[in-house]
């Protein structure tokens, strides 16, 4: 598989944080969200990663580089203007020779992509959409399936609160490279609004993989706070797997870097420094 990280979004709902940094660099504890997402690929044996970047792309590229220090090979697809979730991938279809494992850059997860891949191949799917249960499904893309898990309809943020299912799209997809060759989309393209409906109209095999893995969209301030609070409690497959990161700026001084401090003290100090630089307050959020 090739890992694809959609990291070009503006993150308007997270302003003013994203006025200073791109959404994938929003700090969670002592690391940017980007590091957690790259680690998902590593945990699943995916070492070639392509990132789509646009807004403040230099910050992302400076941080991640080419991935060599982390055992990855990272490439970038740079968008001059926003092209939706899929536009730049269709414009770069020649890069893809293997199944694409696509992650949205605005969520925290420990999804077992290898299990999704096995399901994807077993079903003979051209596209597999990973779904999870949501308390408020009307805020996401709701997936309706037949008893075998084949997608029948994808309702993007439906207005009707009386829904038959609370299974929603996580923005995690497995897609065969032939899809990008067979469907000539150009310009600004969205997977949910453009690509998947086109596949369904042609009766293509699009399947849904229902997961109970941890997944939290952090596209709003409240969701961001919830994700960080959950991280502090510990999440299997996420917490403790990453090394502490250097802050976003090297122009600071902190007592945490001097004298004897516990690992928890250092983590909390790094987190506070990252948040201060990003303009984030430490408001309390109840789970």
Foldseek 3Di string as FASTA:
>chain_A
DEEEEEQADQLVQAPPLSVQPGQQQQDQQQGGVVVLVVVLCVVQVHAHYEYEHEPVVVLVCVVCPLVVVVNHGYHYQYDPDAQARCASCLVVLVVDDFKYWYAYSQKHWNDNVVVVVVVCVVLVAQKEFEWEADPQQLQAWDFDDDPVFFTQATRGSDPDRDDPGRIGTLRTMIHGSVLSVVDNDHGRDYCRPHSVVVCVVVVGGYGYHYDPTDMFGRSHPLSSLVVSVVVVVPHPNRHPPDDRDDASDPPDDDCLVDDDDDPVSVSNVSSVVNCVSSVHDDDDHDD
